[in-house]
Amino acid sequence: MESLTTYQQTAIQIASSGSKIATARQLADLRLAKTADGRNAYPRYKDFDMKSRLSWIGDQFFGLAVLLHVSISVDTVSVDSVALDSEIMEDKVLRDLTLVEMQEAFRKGVNREYGEYYGLTSVSMFGFLKGFLKSEKKREAVALVCRQNEIDEREANARLFREMHSHIDVPELTSFKFREKSEKKTYTPEESAAHREKIRRQAEEIRKQYKANSDDKQEEA
């Protein structure tokens, strides 16, 4: 497991940072960023093993102590780190936060922007995280993430549709040859008379043949 500081700010950077850790847009970008293989570019708290998580939380306690000019003991930090880690990992929303989001909560929390401050304890730190989730900045960041996910989904569906239909050859309308409507033939009076006479002669021949057959049967009888 790579060190957490490979991806995020260290405790010393917390102590030296300004009042604004990140904007809502930056927090949204952290959650949206992906690596080439589709993984989160900025891992969530839950992505690390317990040893790494406890080390990182300890850094937050000591970094904030430097910022506030207060003294804390290693033993106290160790106990509070274990307690805080346990509470975070039991909450599916908190454990999905990026480390920068958590640093935002801690850094602003000690200034009482995300809840009550009861000293550098696990109680205070947990309250800061809960307060951050309800903050306007977090709500705005979530809205930005949802909006971008909707755009990405529409674009992905459009690409899929194009790929599915790209192999279908649709002939152009101009490639079809439509049969022209046949015109009704017009006969002259002479042609019509000749046709009627032909039909009359055929009918007369049929009548004579029928009569001859009938006479033969009567003679046989």
Protein backbone atom coordinates (compact mmCIF):
# COMPACT_ATOMS: atom_id res chain seq x y z
CA MET A 1 0.00 0.00 0.00
CA GLU A 2 1.42 3.33 -1.04
CA SER A 3 1.84 6.07 1.54
CA LEU A 4 -1.17 8.34 2.00
CA THR A 5 1.03 11.38 1.58
CA THR A 6 1.67 10.30 -2.01
CA TYR A 7 -1.81 11.56 -2.80
CA GLN A 8 -2.69 14.14 -0.16
CA GLN A 9 -1.37 16.96 1.99
CA THR A 10 0.77 16.15 5.03
CA ALA A 11 0.17 17.32 8.58
CA ILE A 12 2.80 20.06 8.21
CA GLN A 13 0.99 21.33 5.12
CA ILE A 14 -2.21 21.53 7.14
CA ALA A 15 -0.48 23.71 9.70
CA SER A 16 0.93 26.02 7.03
CA SER A 17 -2.13 26.17 4.76
CA GLY A 18 -4.46 29.12 4.43
CA SER A 19 -8.03 29.24 5.72
CA LYS A 20 -9.43 27.87 2.46
CA ILE A 21 -8.38 24.24 1.92
CA ALA A 22 -10.31 23.71 -1.30
CA THR A 23 -13.25 25.08 -3.24
CA ALA A 24 -16.39 23.05 -3.96
CA ARG A 25 -15.24 22.72 -7.57
CA GLN A 26 -11.86 21.35 -6.47
CA LEU A 27 -13.47 18.91 -4.06
CA ALA A 28 -15.76 17.70 -6.86
CA ASP A 29 -12.81 17.32 -9.22
CA LEU A 30 -10.99 15.18 -6.63
CA ARG A 31 -13.94 12.77 -6.51
CA LEU A 32 -14.36 12.70 -10.28
CA ALA A 33 -10.70 12.19 -11.18
CA LYS A 34 -9.97 8.68 -12.48
CA THR A 35 -6.83 6.83 -13.45
CA ALA A 36 -6.43 5.18 -16.86
CA ASP A 37 -7.78 1.87 -15.52
CA GLY A 38 -10.91 3.50 -14.08
CA ARG A 39 -9.88 3.65 -10.41
CA ASN A 40 -10.24 6.76 -8.27
CA ALA A 41 -7.21 8.99 -8.81
CA TYR A 42 -7.59 10.26 -5.23
CA PRO A 43 -8.27 7.26 -2.95
CA ARG A 44 -10.96 7.32 -0.29
CA TYR A 45 -10.18 6.87 3.39
CA LYS A 46 -11.52 3.30 3.22
CA ASP A 47 -9.01 2.37 0.50
CA PHE A 48 -6.09 2.10 2.93
CA ASP A 49 -5.14 -0.46 5.53
CA MET A 50 -5.62 0.21 9.24
CA LYS A 51 -1.97 0.93 9.96
CA SER A 52 -1.83 3.60 7.25
CA ARG A 53 -5.13 5.12 8.38
CA LEU A 54 -4.04 5.40 12.02
CA SER A 55 -0.73 6.96 10.99
CA TRP A 56 -2.54 9.52 8.86
CA ILE A 57 -5.01 10.42 11.61
CA GLY A 58 -2.13 10.85 14.05
CA ASP A 59 -0.54 13.29 11.61
CA GLN A 60 -3.77 15.28 11.58
CA PHE A 61 -3.82 15.56 15.37
CA PHE A 62 -0.21 16.70 15.60
CA GLY A 63 -0.52 19.03 12.61
CA LEU A 64 -3.56 20.73 14.14
CA ALA A 65 -1.75 20.96 17.50
CA VAL A 66 1.00 22.95 15.76
CA LEU A 67 -1.62 25.16 14.12
CA LEU A 68 -3.39 25.81 17.44
CA HIS A 69 -0.23 26.06 19.54
CA VAL A 70 -1.39 23.40 21.99
CA SER A 71 0.36 20.37 23.47
CA ILE A 72 -0.92 16.81 23.09
CA SER A 73 0.63 13.52 24.17
CA VAL A 74 1.49 10.60 21.94
CA ASP A 75 -0.52 8.24 24.17
CA THR A 76 -3.64 10.41 23.93
CA VAL A 77 -3.32 10.72 20.16
CA SER A 78 -2.93 6.95 19.81
CA VAL A 79 -6.13 6.28 21.76
CA ASP A 80 -8.10 8.99 19.94
CA SER A 81 -6.82 7.82 16.54
CA VAL A 82 -8.11 4.29 17.12
CA ALA A 83 -11.48 5.59 18.37
CA LEU A 84 -11.88 8.00 15.44
CA ASP A 85 -10.87 5.39 12.86
CA SER A 86 -13.43 2.96 14.26
CA GLU A 87 -16.23 5.55 14.07
CA ILE A 88 -15.31 6.59 10.53
CA MET A 89 -15.16 3.02 9.22
CA GLU A 90 -18.61 2.27 10.69
CA ASP A 91 -20.11 5.13 8.67
CA LYS A 92 -20.37 4.31 4.95
CA VAL A 93 -20.52 8.01 3.98
CA LEU A 94 -17.58 9.14 6.11
CA ARG A 95 -15.29 6.31 5.06
CA ASP A 96 -15.92 7.22 1.41
CA LEU A 97 -14.52 10.75 1.85
CA THR A 98 -11.25 11.69 0.20
CA LEU A 99 -8.44 12.71 2.53
CA VAL A 100 -8.56 16.29 1.27
CA GLU A 101 -12.25 16.47 2.23
CA MET A 102 -11.39 15.19 5.70
CA GLN A 103 -8.59 17.71 6.03
CA GLU A 104 -11.07 20.42 5.06
CA ALA A 105 -13.35 19.24 7.88
CA PHE A 106 -10.54 19.15 10.48
CA ARG A 107 -8.89 22.43 9.45
CA LYS A 108 -12.15 24.39 9.40
CA GLY A 109 -13.53 22.45 12.35
CA VAL A 110 -10.99 23.73 14.84
CA ASN A 111 -12.13 27.22 13.79
CA ARG A 112 -15.67 26.14 14.76
CA GLU A 113 -17.01 26.25 11.21
CA TYR A 114 -18.18 22.62 11.23
CA GLY A 115 -19.44 22.09 14.75
CA GLU A 116 -18.45 22.39 18.37
CA TYR A 117 -14.81 22.16 19.40
CA TYR A 118 -14.09 20.11 22.52
CA GLY A 119 -10.32 20.14 22.20
CA LEU A 120 -8.22 17.87 19.99
CA THR A 121 -10.17 14.70 20.69
CA SER A 122 -11.87 12.02 18.61
CA VAL A 123 -15.23 13.50 19.65
CA SER A 124 -14.36 16.88 18.13
CA MET A 125 -12.87 15.39 14.97
CA PHE A 126 -15.84 13.11 14.37
CA GLY A 127 -18.20 16.05 14.86
CA PHE A 128 -16.22 18.09 12.32
CA LEU A 129 -16.65 15.37 9.72
CA LYS A 130 -20.40 15.23 10.32
CA GLY A 131 -20.60 19.01 10.14
CA PHE A 132 -18.68 19.03 6.87
CA LEU A 133 -21.17 16.63 5.30
CA LYS A 134 -23.97 19.09 6.05
CA SER A 135 -22.05 22.14 4.85
CA GLU A 136 -22.95 24.24 1.83
CA LYS A 137 -19.56 23.51 0.27
CA LYS A 138 -20.10 19.76 0.46
CA ARG A 139 -23.65 20.02 -0.93
CA GLU A 140 -22.37 22.11 -3.83
CA ALA A 141 -19.55 19.63 -4.50
CA VAL A 142 -22.03 16.72 -4.50
CA ALA A 143 -24.28 18.58 -6.96
CA LEU A 144 -21.31 19.18 -9.28
CA VAL A 145 -20.34 15.51 -9.13
CA CYS A 146 -23.91 14.36 -9.87
CA ARG A 147 -24.23 16.81 -12.76
CA GLN A 148 -20.96 15.65 -14.31
CA ASN A 149 -21.91 11.99 -13.86
CA GLU A 150 -25.18 12.62 -15.70
CA ILE A 151 -23.30 14.29 -18.56
CA ASP A 152 -20.80 11.42 -18.71
CA GLU A 153 -23.62 8.87 -18.73
CA ARG A 154 -25.43 10.61 -21.60
CA GLU A 155 -22.21 10.81 -23.61
CA ALA A 156 -21.43 7.15 -22.91
CA ASN A 157 -24.92 6.10 -24.03
CA ALA A 158 -24.57 8.18 -27.19
CA ARG A 159 -21.21 6.54 -27.98
CA LEU A 160 -22.68 3.10 -27.37
CA PHE A 161 -25.60 3.84 -29.69
CA ARG A 162 -23.25 5.01 -32.43
CA GLU A 163 -21.06 1.93 -32.03
CA MET A 164 -24.04 -0.44 -32.09
CA HIS A 165 -25.43 1.06 -35.29
CA SER A 166 -22.22 1.89 -37.12
CA HIS A 167 -22.14 -1.56 -38.84
CA ILE A 168 -25.64 -1.28 -40.30
CA ASP A 169 -25.67 -0.21 -43.94
CA VAL A 170 -28.75 1.82 -44.67
CA PRO A 171 -29.25 2.15 -48.44
CA GLU A 172 -29.99 5.53 -49.82
CA LEU A 173 -33.48 6.13 -51.11
CA THR A 174 -32.10 7.00 -54.53
CA SER A 175 -30.73 3.46 -54.91
CA PHE A 176 -34.22 2.04 -55.30
CA LYS A 177 -35.95 1.99 -58.69
CA PHE A 178 -39.66 2.40 -58.44
CA ARG A 179 -41.88 0.88 -61.13
CA GLU A 180 -43.54 3.55 -63.11
CA LYS A 181 -47.32 3.59 -63.07
CA SER A 182 -48.65 1.88 -66.19
CA GLU A 183 -50.98 3.90 -68.35
CA LYS A 184 -54.41 2.53 -69.28
CA LYS A 185 -54.53 1.45 -72.96
CA THR A 186 -57.04 3.26 -75.12
CA TYR A 187 -58.71 1.34 -77.99
CA THR A 188 -60.09 2.81 -81.19
CA PRO A 189 -63.74 2.07 -82.14
CA GLU A 190 -62.55 -0.34 -84.85
CA GLU A 191 -60.35 -2.25 -82.36
CA SER A 192 -63.22 -2.48 -79.90
CA ALA A 193 -65.60 -3.81 -82.60
CA ALA A 194 -63.06 -6.39 -83.77
CA HIS A 195 -62.53 -7.56 -80.19
CA ARG A 196 -66.29 -7.98 -79.64
CA GLU A 197 -66.61 -9.94 -82.86
CA LYS A 198 -63.78 -12.24 -81.80
CA ILE A 199 -65.48 -12.94 -78.47
CA ARG A 200 -68.83 -13.58 -80.27
CA ARG A 201 -67.28 -16.13 -82.64
CA GLN A 202 -65.58 -17.95 -79.75
CA ALA A 203 -68.88 -18.11 -77.90
CA GLU A 204 -70.68 -19.43 -81.03
CA GLU A 205 -68.08 -22.17 -81.48
CA ILE A 206 -68.48 -23.22 -77.85
CA ARG A 207 -72.32 -23.30 -78.22
CA LYS A 208 -72.11 -25.44 -81.40
CA GLN A 209 -69.71 -27.87 -79.75
CA TYR A 210 -71.95 -28.17 -76.73
CA LYS A 211 -75.02 -28.83 -78.95
CA ALA A 212 -73.15 -31.48 -80.95
CA ASN A 213 -72.12 -33.30 -77.74
CA SER A 214 -75.74 -33.23 -76.54
CA ASP A 215 -77.09 -34.71 -79.82
CA ASP A 216 -74.53 -37.55 -79.69
CA LYS A 217 -75.60 -38.52 -76.19
CA GLN A 218 -79.28 -38.59 -77.19
CA GLU A 219 -78.57 -40.96 -80.14
CA GLU A 220 -76.59 -43.29 -77.92
CA ALA A 221 -79.49 -43.40 -75.51
